[in-house]
């Protein structure tokens, strides 16, 4: 996916394009996960859409739920969504940080004689 260690470091413009692609992928993945969470809160706990989006955003952002879950299905969904959100956060961080880490490591290991 990225350039080989024996090739030159990519230009700043190419790096910016790469970052925009990675951030776009992360943004759309967050939108999908947020929508999935809102749908789950709406479906399983019968919350209004605005409250569903609020709860999903708070869980996805690591802040915790706003509303108390009353049904067993809502509690199970909230538990699974909270676990998913924690792992998802780590994955999204990796997607965004990968080009930065690669560029840093590539810059440090590029052979000056080539």
PDB file of N, CA and C in Angstrom:
ATOM      1  N   UNK A   1       0.825  -1.185   0.000  1.00  0.00           N
ATOM      2  CA  UNK A   1       0.000   0.000   0.000  1.00  0.00           C
ATOM      3  C   UNK A   1       0.873   1.254   0.000  1.00  0.00           C
ATOM      4  N   UNK A   2       1.922   1.232   0.786  1.00  0.00           N
ATOM      5  CA  UNK A   2       2.822   2.380   0.835  1.00  0.00           C
ATOM      6  C   UNK A   2       4.082   2.079   0.040  1.00  0.00           C
ATOM      7  N   UNK A   3       4.918   3.089  -0.107  1.00  0.00           N
ATOM      8  CA  UNK A   3       6.144   2.916  -0.875  1.00  0.00           C
ATOM      9  C   UNK A   3       7.154   2.046  -0.107  1.00  0.00           C
ATOM     10  N   UNK A   4       8.026   1.417  -0.879  1.00  0.00           N
ATOM     11  CA  UNK A   4       9.049   0.546  -0.315  1.00  0.00           C
ATOM     12  C   UNK A   4      10.105   1.377   0.405  1.00  0.00           C
ATOM     13  N   UNK A   5      10.814   0.765   1.318  1.00  0.00           N
ATOM     14  CA  UNK A   5      11.804   1.502   2.113  1.00  0.00           C
ATOM     15  C   UNK A   5      12.969   2.003   1.282  1.00  0.00           C
ATOM     16  N   UNK A   6      13.201   1.404   0.120  1.00  0.00           N
ATOM     17  CA  UNK A   6      14.315   1.842  -0.725  1.00  0.00           C
ATOM     18  C   UNK A   6      13.933   2.999  -1.648  1.00  0.00           C
ATOM     19  N   UNK A   7      12.672   3.343  -1.689  1.00  0.00           N
ATOM     20  CA  UNK A   7      12.247   4.469  -2.529  1.00  0.00           C
ATOM     21  C   UNK A   7      12.277   5.750  -1.705  1.00  0.00           C
ATOM     22  N   UNK A   8      12.227   6.856  -2.410  1.00  0.00           N
ATOM     23  CA  UNK A   8      12.250   8.156  -1.738  1.00  0.00           C
ATOM     24  C   UNK A   8      10.963   8.387  -0.956  1.00  0.00           C
ATOM     25  N   UNK A   9      11.046   9.261   0.019  1.00  0.00           N
ATOM     26  CA  UNK A   9       9.861   9.677   0.771  1.00  0.00           C
ATOM     27  C   UNK A   9       8.958  10.464  -0.171  1.00  0.00           C
ATOM     28  N   UNK A  10       7.651  10.227  -0.082  1.00  0.00           N
ATOM     29  CA  UNK A  10       6.724  10.910  -0.990  1.00  0.00           C
ATOM     30  C   UNK A  10       6.697  12.413  -0.704  1.00  0.00           C
ATOM     31  N   UNK A  11       6.239  13.158  -1.674  1.00  0.00           N
ATOM     32  CA  UNK A  11       6.180  14.618  -1.525  1.00  0.00           C
ATOM     33  C   UNK A  11       5.119  15.004  -0.498  1.00  0.00           C
ATOM     34  N   UNK A  12       5.189  16.241  -0.076  1.00  0.00           N
ATOM     35  CA  UNK A  12       4.221  16.753   0.899  1.00  0.00           C
ATOM     36  C   UNK A  12       2.806  16.706   0.327  1.00  0.00           C
ATOM     37  N   UNK A  13       2.662  17.040  -0.947  1.00  0.00           N
ATOM     38  CA  UNK A  13       1.331  17.026  -1.576  1.00  0.00           C
ATOM     39  C   UNK A  13       0.765  15.602  -1.632  1.00  0.00           C
ATOM     40  N   UNK A  14       1.602  14.637  -1.956  1.00  0.00           N
ATOM     41  CA  UNK A  14       1.149  13.246  -1.986  1.00  0.00           C
ATOM     42  C   UNK A  14       0.785  12.771  -0.583  1.00  0.00           C
ATOM     43  N   UNK A  15       1.554  13.210   0.405  1.00  0.00           N
ATOM     44  CA  UNK A  15       1.247  12.846   1.789  1.00  0.00           C
ATOM     45  C   UNK A  15      -0.084  13.442   2.241  1.00  0.00           C
ATOM     46  N   UNK A  16      -0.354  14.678   1.849  1.00  0.00           N
ATOM     47  CA  UNK A  16      -1.629  15.319   2.193  1.00  0.00           C
ATOM     48  C   UNK A  16      -2.783  14.566   1.539  1.00  0.00           C
ATOM     49  N   UNK A  17      -2.619  14.155   0.284  1.00  0.00           N
ATOM     50  CA  UNK A  17      -3.663  13.372  -0.394  1.00  0.00           C
ATOM     51  C   UNK A  17      -3.888  12.039   0.324  1.00  0.00           C
ATOM     52  N   UNK A  18      -2.804  11.410   0.755  1.00  0.00           N
ATOM     53  CA  UNK A  18      -2.915  10.144   1.486  1.00  0.00           C
ATOM     54  C   UNK A  18      -3.652  10.352   2.804  1.00  0.00           C
ATOM     55  N   UNK A  19      -3.342  11.424   3.505  1.00  0.00           N
ATOM     56  CA  UNK A  19      -4.023  11.714   4.775  1.00  0.00           C
ATOM     57  C   UNK A  19      -5.505  11.994   4.550  1.00  0.00           C
ATOM     58  N   UNK A  20      -5.823  12.719   3.493  1.00  0.00           N
ATOM     59  CA  UNK A  20      -7.228  13.002   3.182  1.00  0.00           C
ATOM     60  C   UNK A  20      -7.982  11.703   2.911  1.00  0.00           C
ATOM     61  N   UNK A  21      -7.358  10.774   2.183  1.00  0.00           N
ATOM     62  CA  UNK A  21      -8.004   9.476   1.931  1.00  0.00           C
ATOM     63  C   UNK A  21      -8.242   8.722   3.234  1.00  0.00           C
ATOM     64  N   UNK A  22      -7.237   8.673   4.087  1.00  0.00           N
ATOM     65  CA  UNK A  22      -7.378   7.941   5.342  1.00  0.00           C
ATOM     66  C   UNK A  22      -8.421   8.590   6.257  1.00  0.00           C
ATOM     67  N   UNK A  23      -8.415   9.892   6.336  1.00  0.00           N
ATOM     68  CA  UNK A  23      -9.397  10.586   7.168  1.00  0.00           C
ATOM     69  C   UNK A  23     -10.799  10.405   6.594  1.00  0.00           C
ATOM     70  N   UNK A  24     -10.925  10.383   5.260  1.00  0.00           N
ATOM     71  CA  UNK A  24     -12.242  10.152   4.640  1.00  0.00           C
ATOM     72  C   UNK A  24     -12.766   8.762   4.965  1.00  0.00           C
ATOM     73  N   UNK A  25     -11.897   7.757   4.895  1.00  0.00           N
ATOM     74  CA  UNK A  25     -12.302   6.398   5.253  1.00  0.00           C
ATOM     75  C   UNK A  25     -12.741   6.359   6.714  1.00  0.00           C
ATOM     76  N   UNK A  26     -11.967   6.992   7.586  1.00  0.00           N
ATOM     77  CA  UNK A  26     -12.317   7.022   9.010  1.00  0.00           C
ATOM     78  C   UNK A  26     -13.647   7.743   9.233  1.00  0.00           C
ATOM     79  N   UNK A  27     -13.855   8.846   8.544  1.00  0.00           N
ATOM     80  CA  UNK A  27     -15.087   9.616   8.696  1.00  0.00           C
ATOM     81  C   UNK A  27     -16.309   8.787   8.290  1.00  0.00           C
ATOM     82  N   UNK A  28     -16.218   8.113   7.141  1.00  0.00           N
ATOM     83  CA  UNK A  28     -17.361   7.312   6.691  1.00  0.00           C
ATOM     84  C   UNK A  28     -17.580   6.092   7.577  1.00  0.00           C
ATOM     85  N   UNK A  29     -16.513   5.521   8.102  1.00  0.00           N
ATOM     86  CA  UNK A  29     -16.667   4.404   9.039  1.00  0.00           C
ATOM     87  C   UNK A  29     -17.342   4.873  10.322  1.00  0.00           C
ATOM     88  N   UNK A  30     -16.995   6.064  10.780  1.00  0.00           N
ATOM     89  CA  UNK A  30     -17.638   6.624  11.978  1.00  0.00           C
ATOM     90  C   UNK A  30     -19.121   6.881  11.704  1.00  0.00           C
ATOM     91  N   UNK A  31     -19.438   7.411  10.533  1.00  0.00           N
ATOM     92  CA  UNK A  31     -20.849   7.638  10.191  1.00  0.00           C
ATOM     93  C   UNK A  31     -21.643   6.336  10.181  1.00  0.00           C
ATOM     94  N   UNK A  32     -21.054   5.286   9.633  1.00  0.00           N
ATOM     95  CA  UNK A  32     -21.738   3.995   9.594  1.00  0.00           C
ATOM     96  C   UNK A  32     -21.929   3.450  11.010  1.00  0.00           C
ATOM     97  N   UNK A  33     -20.869   3.498  11.829  1.00  0.00           N
ATOM     98  CA  UNK A  33     -20.968   2.986  13.203  1.00  0.00           C
ATOM     99  C   UNK A  33     -21.963   3.802  14.024  1.00  0.00           C
ATOM    100  N   UNK A  34     -21.972   5.108  13.830  1.00  0.00           N
ATOM    101  CA  UNK A  34     -22.890   5.986  14.557  1.00  0.00           C
ATOM    102  C   UNK A  34     -24.339   5.675  14.143  1.00  0.00           C
ATOM    103  N   UNK A  35     -24.541   5.519  12.840  1.00  0.00           N
ATOM    104  CA  UNK A  35     -25.893   5.199  12.356  1.00  0.00           C
ATOM    105  C   UNK A  35     -26.354   3.836  12.854  1.00  0.00           C
ATOM    106  N   UNK A  36     -25.456   2.872  12.870  1.00  0.00           N
ATOM    107  CA  UNK A  36     -25.789   1.548  13.387  1.00  0.00           C
ATOM    108  C   UNK A  36     -26.187   1.629  14.861  1.00  0.00           C
ATOM    109  N   UNK A  37     -25.442   2.405  15.635  1.00  0.00           N
ATOM    110  CA  UNK A  37     -25.773   2.576  17.046  1.00  0.00           C
ATOM    111  C   UNK A  37     -27.105   3.275  17.246  1.00  0.00           C
ATOM    112  N   UNK A  38     -27.362   4.303  16.473  1.00  0.00           N
ATOM    113  CA  UNK A  38     -28.636   5.017  16.587  1.00  0.00           C
ATOM    114  C   UNK A  38     -29.797   4.102  16.216  1.00  0.00           C
ATOM    115  N   UNK A  39     -29.608   3.325  15.152  1.00  0.00           N
ATOM    116  CA  UNK A  39     -30.650   2.379  14.772  1.00  0.00           C
ATOM    117  C   UNK A  39     -30.902   1.374  15.890  1.00  0.00           C
ATOM    118  N   UNK A  40     -29.840   0.868  16.495  1.00  0.00           N
ATOM    119  CA  UNK A  40     -29.993  -0.108  17.569  1.00  0.00           C
ATOM    120  C   UNK A  40     -30.708   0.448  18.784  1.00  0.00           C
ATOM    121  N   UNK A  41     -30.356   1.645  19.188  1.00  0.00           N
ATOM    122  CA  UNK A  41     -31.047   2.261  20.325  1.00  0.00           C
ATOM    123  C   UNK A  41     -32.510   2.528  19.996  1.00  0.00           C
ATOM    124  N   UNK A  42     -32.764   2.942  18.761  1.00  0.00           N
ATOM    125  CA  UNK A  42     -34.145   3.209  18.359  1.00  0.00           C
ATOM    126  C   UNK A  42     -34.947   1.908  18.295  1.00  0.00           C
ATOM    127  N   UNK A  43     -34.361   0.868  17.743  1.00  0.00           N
ATOM    128  CA  UNK A  43     -35.061  -0.388  17.549  1.00  0.00           C
ATOM    129  C   UNK A  43     -35.233  -1.166  18.854  1.00  0.00           C
ATOM    130  N   UNK A  44     -34.148  -1.345  19.598  1.00  0.00           N
ATOM    131  CA  UNK A  44     -34.195  -2.210  20.776  1.00  0.00           C
ATOM    132  C   UNK A  44     -34.754  -1.523  22.021  1.00  0.00           C
ATOM    133  N   UNK A  45     -34.521  -0.221  22.149  1.00  0.00           N
ATOM    134  CA  UNK A  45     -34.970   0.477  23.355  1.00  0.00           C
ATOM    135  C   UNK A  45     -36.139   1.407  23.070  1.00  0.00           C
ATOM    136  N   UNK A  46     -36.540   1.534  21.818  1.00  0.00           N
ATOM    137  CA  UNK A  46     -37.669   2.357  21.409  1.00  0.00           C
ATOM    138  C   UNK A  46     -37.493   3.828  21.798  1.00  0.00           C
ATOM    139  N   UNK A  47     -36.256   4.315  21.693  1.00  0.00           N
ATOM    140  CA  UNK A  47     -35.979   5.722  21.971  1.00  0.00           C
ATOM    141  C   UNK A  47     -36.294   6.559  20.734  1.00  0.00           C
ATOM    142  N   UNK A  48     -36.652   7.815  20.910  1.00  0.00           N
ATOM    143  CA  UNK A  48     -36.807   8.697  19.743  1.00  0.00           C
ATOM    144  C   UNK A  48     -35.469   8.815  19.004  1.00  0.00           C
ATOM    145  N   UNK A  49     -35.523   9.148  17.716  1.00  0.00           N
ATOM    146  CA  UNK A  49     -34.311   9.179  16.904  1.00  0.00           C
ATOM    147  C   UNK A  49     -33.262  10.122  17.479  1.00  0.00           C
ATOM    148  N   UNK A  50     -33.662  11.276  17.954  1.00  0.00           N
ATOM    149  CA  UNK A  50     -32.673  12.238  18.452  1.00  0.00           C
ATOM    150  C   UNK A  50     -31.964  11.688  19.695  1.00  0.00           C
ATOM    151  N   UNK A  51     -32.709  11.016  20.572  1.00  0.00           N
ATOM    152  CA  UNK A  51     -32.096  10.403  21.749  1.00  0.00           C
ATOM    153  C   UNK A  51     -31.223   9.213  21.357  1.00  0.00           C
ATOM    154  N   UNK A  52     -31.645   8.503  20.328  1.00  0.00           N
ATOM    155  CA  UNK A  52     -30.845   7.383  19.837  1.00  0.00           C
ATOM    156  C   UNK A  52     -29.504   7.862  19.297  1.00  0.00           C
ATOM    157  N   UNK A  53     -29.527   8.940  18.510  1.00  0.00           N
ATOM    158  CA  UNK A  53     -28.279   9.486  17.985  1.00  0.00           C
ATOM    159  C   UNK A  53     -27.404  10.027  19.105  1.00  0.00           C
ATOM    160  N   UNK A  54     -27.996  10.640  20.100  1.00  0.00           N
ATOM    161  CA  UNK A  54     -27.233  11.149  21.236  1.00  0.00           C
ATOM    162  C   UNK A  54     -26.551  10.009  21.985  1.00  0.00           C
ATOM    163  N   UNK A  55     -27.289   8.957  22.304  1.00  0.00           N
ATOM    164  CA  UNK A  55     -26.703   7.826  23.013  1.00  0.00           C
ATOM    165  C   UNK A  55     -25.604   7.164  22.194  1.00  0.00           C
ATOM    166  N   UNK A  56     -25.850   6.986  20.905  1.00  0.00           N
ATOM    167  CA  UNK A  56     -24.833   6.370  20.049  1.00  0.00           C
ATOM    168  C   UNK A  56     -23.576   7.231  19.980  1.00  0.00           C
ATOM    169  N   UNK A  57     -23.744   8.535  19.875  1.00  0.00           N
ATOM    170  CA  UNK A  57     -22.591   9.432  19.824  1.00  0.00           C
ATOM    171  C   UNK A  57     -21.810   9.414  21.129  1.00  0.00           C
ATOM    172  N   UNK A  58     -22.513   9.395  22.235  1.00  0.00           N
ATOM    173  CA  UNK A  58     -21.840   9.390  23.526  1.00  0.00           C
ATOM    174  C   UNK A  58     -21.072   8.088  23.748  1.00  0.00           C
ATOM    175  N   UNK A  59     -21.652   6.971  23.385  1.00  0.00           N
ATOM    176  CA  UNK A  59     -20.961   5.690  23.526  1.00  0.00           C
ATOM    177  C   UNK A  59     -19.780   5.620  22.564  1.00  0.00           C
ATOM    178  N   UNK A  60     -19.995   6.014  21.314  1.00  0.00           N
ATOM    179  CA  UNK A  60     -18.932   5.963  20.310  1.00  0.00           C
ATOM    180  C   UNK A  60     -17.781   6.891  20.680  1.00  0.00           C
ATOM    181  N   UNK A  61     -18.090   7.994  21.323  1.00  0.00           N
ATOM    182  CA  UNK A  61     -17.052   8.930  21.754  1.00  0.00           C
ATOM    183  C   UNK A  61     -16.406   8.571  23.080  1.00  0.00           C
ATOM    184  N   UNK A  62     -16.879   7.510  23.716  1.00  0.00           N
ATOM    185  CA  UNK A  62     -16.270   7.061  24.958  1.00  0.00           C
ATOM    186  C   UNK A  62     -16.787   7.747  26.204  1.00  0.00           C
ATOM    187  N   UNK A  63     -17.894   8.462  26.101  1.00  0.00           N
ATOM    188  CA  UNK A  63     -18.404   9.212  27.244  1.00  0.00           C
ATOM    189  C   UNK A  63     -19.390   8.422  28.095  1.00  0.00           C
ATOM    190  N   UNK A  64     -20.044   7.444  27.518  1.00  0.00           N
ATOM    191  CA  UNK A  64     -21.022   6.668  28.270  1.00  0.00           C
ATOM    192  C   UNK A  64     -22.432   7.018  27.853  1.00  0.00           C
ATOM    193  N   UNK A  65     -23.397   6.181  28.249  1.00  0.00           N
ATOM    194  CA  UNK A  65     -24.786   6.387  27.819  1.00  0.00           C
ATOM    195  C   UNK A  65     -25.443   7.565  28.540  1.00  0.00           C
ATOM    196  N   UNK A  66     -26.464   8.102  27.912  1.00  0.00           N
ATOM    197  CA  UNK A  66     -27.237   9.199  28.485  1.00  0.00           C
ATOM    198  C   UNK A  66     -28.502   8.652  29.144  1.00  0.00           C
ATOM    199  N   UNK A  67     -29.213   7.810  28.420  1.00  0.00           N
ATOM    200  CA  UNK A  67     -30.474   7.256  28.908  1.00  0.00           C
ATOM    201  C   UNK A  67     -30.251   5.896  29.568  1.00  0.00           C
ATOM    202  N   UNK A  68     -31.096   5.579  30.532  1.00  0.00           N
ATOM    203  CA  UNK A  68     -31.065   4.276  31.180  1.00  0.00           C
ATOM    204  C   UNK A  68     -31.827   3.294  30.298  1.00  0.00           C
ATOM    205  N   UNK A  69     -31.242   2.128  30.100  1.00  0.00           N
ATOM    206  CA  UNK A  69     -31.889   1.095  29.304  1.00  0.00           C
ATOM    207  C   UNK A  69     -32.882   0.332  30.195  1.00  0.00           C
ATOM    208  N   UNK A  70     -34.073   0.097  29.670  1.00  0.00           N
ATOM    209  CA  UNK A  70     -35.117  -0.552  30.461  1.00  0.00           C
ATOM    210  C   UNK A  70     -35.385  -1.995  30.024  1.00  0.00           C
ATOM    211  N   UNK A  71     -35.203  -2.285  28.747  1.00  0.00           N
ATOM    212  CA  UNK A  71     -35.489  -3.634  28.258  1.00  0.00           C
ATOM    213  C   UNK A  71     -34.203  -4.467  28.256  1.00  0.00           C
ATOM    214  N   UNK A  72     -34.375  -5.782  28.290  1.00  0.00           N
ATOM    215  CA  UNK A  72     -33.218  -6.673  28.230  1.00  0.00           C
ATOM    216  C   UNK A  72     -32.512  -6.543  26.883  1.00  0.00           C
ATOM    217  N   UNK A  73     -33.287  -6.447  25.828  1.00  0.00           N
ATOM    218  CA  UNK A  73     -32.698  -6.304  24.491  1.00  0.00           C
ATOM    219  C   UNK A  73     -31.896  -5.007  24.391  1.00  0.00           C
ATOM    220  N   UNK A  74     -32.410  -3.924  24.958  1.00  0.00           N
ATOM    221  CA  UNK A  74     -31.695  -2.654  24.959  1.00  0.00           C
ATOM    222  C   UNK A  74     -30.408  -2.726  25.750  1.00  0.00           C
ATOM    223  N   UNK A  75     -30.429  -3.434  26.868  1.00  0.00           N
ATOM    224  CA  UNK A  75     -29.226  -3.578  27.690  1.00  0.00           C
ATOM    225  C   UNK A  75     -28.169  -4.417  26.984  1.00  0.00           C
ATOM    226  N   UNK A  76     -28.608  -5.480  26.328  1.00  0.00           N
ATOM    227  CA  UNK A  76     -27.664  -6.319  25.584  1.00  0.00           C
ATOM    228  C   UNK A  76     -27.076  -5.528  24.420  1.00  0.00           C
ATOM    229  N   UNK A  77     -27.937  -4.816  23.684  1.00  0.00           N
ATOM    230  CA  UNK A  77     -27.431  -4.008  22.574  1.00  0.00           C
ATOM    231  C   UNK A  77     -26.443  -2.961  23.076  1.00  0.00           C
ATOM    232  N   UNK A  78     -26.774  -2.260  24.149  1.00  0.00           N
ATOM    233  CA  UNK A  78     -25.890  -1.222  24.677  1.00  0.00           C
ATOM    234  C   UNK A  78     -24.548  -1.815  25.099  1.00  0.00           C
ATOM    235  N   UNK A  79     -24.565  -3.001  25.668  1.00  0.00           N
ATOM    236  CA  UNK A  79     -23.319  -3.656  26.072  1.00  0.00           C
ATOM    237  C   UNK A  79     -22.459  -4.010  24.863  1.00  0.00           C
ATOM    238  N   UNK A  80     -23.082  -4.619  23.874  1.00  0.00           N
ATOM    239  CA  UNK A  80     -22.342  -5.015  22.674  1.00  0.00           C
ATOM    240  C   UNK A  80     -21.837  -3.781  21.928  1.00  0.00           C
ATOM    241  N   UNK A  81     -22.664  -2.750  21.837  1.00  0.00           N
ATOM    242  CA  UNK A  81     -22.267  -1.534  21.135  1.00  0.00           C
ATOM    243  C   UNK A  81     -21.125  -0.817  21.868  1.00  0.00           C
ATOM    244  N   UNK A  82     -21.139  -0.857  23.182  1.00  0.00           N
ATOM    245  CA  UNK A  82     -20.053  -0.237  23.957  1.00  0.00           C
ATOM    246  C   UNK A  82     -18.735  -0.977  23.717  1.00  0.00           C
ATOM    247  N   UNK A  83     -18.771  -2.303  23.713  1.00  0.00           N
ATOM    248  CA  UNK A  83     -17.554  -3.076  23.431  1.00  0.00           C
ATOM    249  C   UNK A  83     -17.075  -2.832  21.998  1.00  0.00           C
ATOM    250  N   UNK A  84     -18.017  -2.831  21.073  1.00  0.00           N
ATOM    251  CA  UNK A  84     -17.678  -2.539  19.677  1.00  0.00           C
ATOM    252  C   UNK A  84     -17.044  -1.154  19.554  1.00  0.00           C
ATOM    253  N   UNK A  85     -17.595  -0.179  20.252  1.00  0.00           N
ATOM    254  CA  UNK A  85     -17.106   1.193  20.148  1.00  0.00           C
ATOM    255  C   UNK A  85     -15.672   1.327  20.659  1.00  0.00           C
ATOM    256  N   UNK A  86     -15.342   0.613  21.710  1.00  0.00           N
ATOM    257  CA  UNK A  86     -13.976   0.664  22.223  1.00  0.00           C
ATOM    258  C   UNK A  86     -12.974   0.109  21.232  1.00  0.00           C
ATOM    259  N   UNK A  87     -13.298  -1.025  20.638  1.00  0.00           N
ATOM    260  CA  UNK A  87     -12.410  -1.628  19.639  1.00  0.00           C
ATOM    261  C   UNK A  87     -12.393  -0.784  18.366  1.00  0.00           C
ATOM    262  N   UNK A  88     -13.525  -0.236  18.015  1.00  0.00           N
ATOM    263  CA  UNK A  88     -13.648   0.607  16.830  1.00  0.00           C
ATOM    264  C   UNK A  88     -12.778   1.847  16.964  1.00  0.00           C
ATOM    265  N   UNK A  89     -12.739   2.432  18.153  1.00  0.00           N
ATOM    266  CA  UNK A  89     -11.913   3.621  18.394  1.00  0.00           C
ATOM    267  C   UNK A  89     -10.443   3.320  18.124  1.00  0.00           C
ATOM    268  N   UNK A  90      -9.988   2.171  18.582  1.00  0.00           N
ATOM    269  CA  UNK A  90      -8.593   1.778  18.351  1.00  0.00           C
ATOM    270  C   UNK A  90      -8.334   1.597  16.856  1.00  0.00           C
ATOM    271  N   UNK A  91      -9.275   0.982  16.148  1.00  0.00           N
ATOM    272  CA  UNK A  91      -9.121   0.781  14.709  1.00  0.00           C
ATOM    273  C   UNK A  91      -9.089   2.080  13.931  1.00  0.00           C
ATOM    274  N   UNK A  92      -9.970   2.987  14.271  1.00  0.00           N
ATOM    275  CA  UNK A  92     -10.010   4.282  13.572  1.00  0.00           C
ATOM    276  C   UNK A  92      -8.739   5.075  13.848  1.00  0.00           C
ATOM    277  N   UNK A  93      -8.255   5.003  15.075  1.00  0.00           N
ATOM    278  CA  UNK A  93      -6.997   5.674  15.403  1.00  0.00           C
ATOM    279  C   UNK A  93      -5.862   5.108  14.552  1.00  0.00           C
ATOM    280  N   UNK A  94      -5.847   3.806  14.366  1.00  0.00           N
ATOM    281  CA  UNK A  94      -4.837   3.185  13.521  1.00  0.00           C
ATOM    282  C   UNK A  94      -4.934   3.617  12.074  1.00  0.00           C
ATOM    283  N   UNK A  95      -6.151   3.730  11.562  1.00  0.00           N
ATOM    284  CA  UNK A  95      -6.341   4.160  10.172  1.00  0.00           C
ATOM    285  C   UNK A  95      -5.819   5.573   9.965  1.00  0.00           C
ATOM    286  N   UNK A  96      -6.069   6.453  10.912  1.00  0.00           N
ATOM    287  CA  UNK A  96      -5.643   7.848  10.773  1.00  0.00           C
ATOM    288  C   UNK A  96      -4.145   8.003  11.033  1.00  0.00           C
ATOM    289  N   UNK A  97      -3.612   7.249  11.979  1.00  0.00           N
ATOM    290  CA  UNK A  97      -2.201   7.412  12.357  1.00  0.00           C
ATOM    291  C   UNK A  97      -1.235   6.633  11.463  1.00  0.00           C
ATOM    292  N   UNK A  98      -1.710   5.656  10.713  1.00  0.00           N
ATOM    293  CA  UNK A  98      -0.826   4.823   9.895  1.00  0.00           C
ATOM    294  C   UNK A  98       0.033   5.625   8.915  1.00  0.00           C
ATOM    295  N   UNK A  99      -0.537   6.570   8.156  1.00  0.00           N
ATOM    296  CA  UNK A  99       0.323   7.323   7.231  1.00  0.00           C
ATOM    297  C   UNK A  99       1.367   8.175   7.958  1.00  0.00           C
ATOM    298  N   UNK A 100       1.001   8.692   9.109  1.00  0.00           N
ATOM    299  CA  UNK A 100       1.943   9.520   9.872  1.00  0.00           C
ATOM    300  C   UNK A 100       3.093   8.664  10.388  1.00  0.00           C
ATOM    301  N   UNK A 101       2.749   7.518  10.967  1.00  0.00           N
ATOM    302  CA  UNK A 101       3.788   6.624  11.475  1.00  0.00           C
ATOM    303  C   UNK A 101       4.669   6.116  10.339  1.00  0.00           C
ATOM    304  N   UNK A 102       4.060   5.770   9.201  1.00  0.00           N
ATOM    305  CA  UNK A 102       4.850   5.291   8.076  1.00  0.00           C
ATOM    306  C   UNK A 102       5.792   6.358   7.564  1.00  0.00           C
ATOM    307  N   UNK A 103       5.302   7.576   7.430  1.00  0.00           N
ATOM    308  CA  UNK A 103       6.164   8.655   6.929  1.00  0.00           C
ATOM    309  C   UNK A 103       7.316   8.913   7.882  1.00  0.00           C
ATOM    310  N   UNK A 104       7.031   8.918   9.171  1.00  0.00           N
ATOM    311  CA  UNK A 104       8.093   9.130  10.154  1.00  0.00           C
ATOM    312  C   UNK A 104       9.135   8.019  10.077  1.00  0.00           C
ATOM    313  N   UNK A 105       8.692   6.768  10.090  1.00  0.00           N
ATOM    314  CA  UNK A 105       9.630   5.656  10.025  1.00  0.00           C
ATOM    315  C   UNK A 105      10.369   5.623   8.692  1.00  0.00           C
ATOM    316  N   UNK A 106       9.679   5.926   7.603  1.00  0.00           N
ATOM    317  CA  UNK A 106      10.324   5.954   6.292  1.00  0.00           C
ATOM    318  C   UNK A 106      11.385   7.046   6.242  1.00  0.00           C
ATOM    319  N   UNK A 107      11.090   8.202   6.791  1.00  0.00           N
ATOM    320  CA  UNK A 107      12.055   9.298   6.809  1.00  0.00           C
ATOM    321  C   UNK A 107      13.292   8.921   7.621  1.00  0.00           C
ATOM    322  N   UNK A 108      13.097   8.248   8.742  1.00  0.00           N
ATOM    323  CA  UNK A 108      14.223   7.867   9.586  1.00  0.00           C
ATOM    324  C   UNK A 108      15.065   6.757   8.970  1.00  0.00           C
ATOM    325  N   UNK A 109      14.477   5.908   8.125  1.00  0.00           N
ATOM    326  CA  UNK A 109      15.198   4.763   7.598  1.00  0.00           C
ATOM    327  C   UNK A 109      15.590   4.888   6.133  1.00  0.00           C
ATOM    328  N   UNK A 110      15.291   6.008   5.503  1.00  0.00           N
ATOM    329  CA  UNK A 110      15.660   6.166   4.099  1.00  0.00           C
ATOM    330  C   UNK A 110      17.188   6.248   4.004  1.00  0.00           C
ATOM    331  N   UNK A 111      17.722   5.619   2.966  1.00  0.00           N
ATOM    332  CA  UNK A 111      19.170   5.601   2.777  1.00  0.00           C
ATOM    333  C   UNK A 111      19.575   6.897   2.093  1.00  0.00           C
ATOM    334  N   UNK A 112      20.457   7.642   2.727  1.00  0.00           N
ATOM    335  CA  UNK A 112      20.871   8.957   2.199  1.00  0.00           C
ATOM    336  C   UNK A 112      21.676   8.842   0.911  1.00  0.00           C
ATOM    337  N   UNK A 113      22.376   7.738   0.703  1.00  0.00           N
ATOM    338  CA  UNK A 113      23.226   7.605  -0.477  1.00  0.00           C
ATOM    339  C   UNK A 113      22.431   7.350  -1.754  1.00  0.00           C
ATOM    340  N   UNK A 114      21.206   6.902  -1.651  1.00  0.00           N
ATOM    341  CA  UNK A 114      20.409   6.589  -2.851  1.00  0.00           C
ATOM    342  C   UNK A 114      19.686   7.777  -3.366  1.00  0.00           C
TER     343      UNK A 114
END
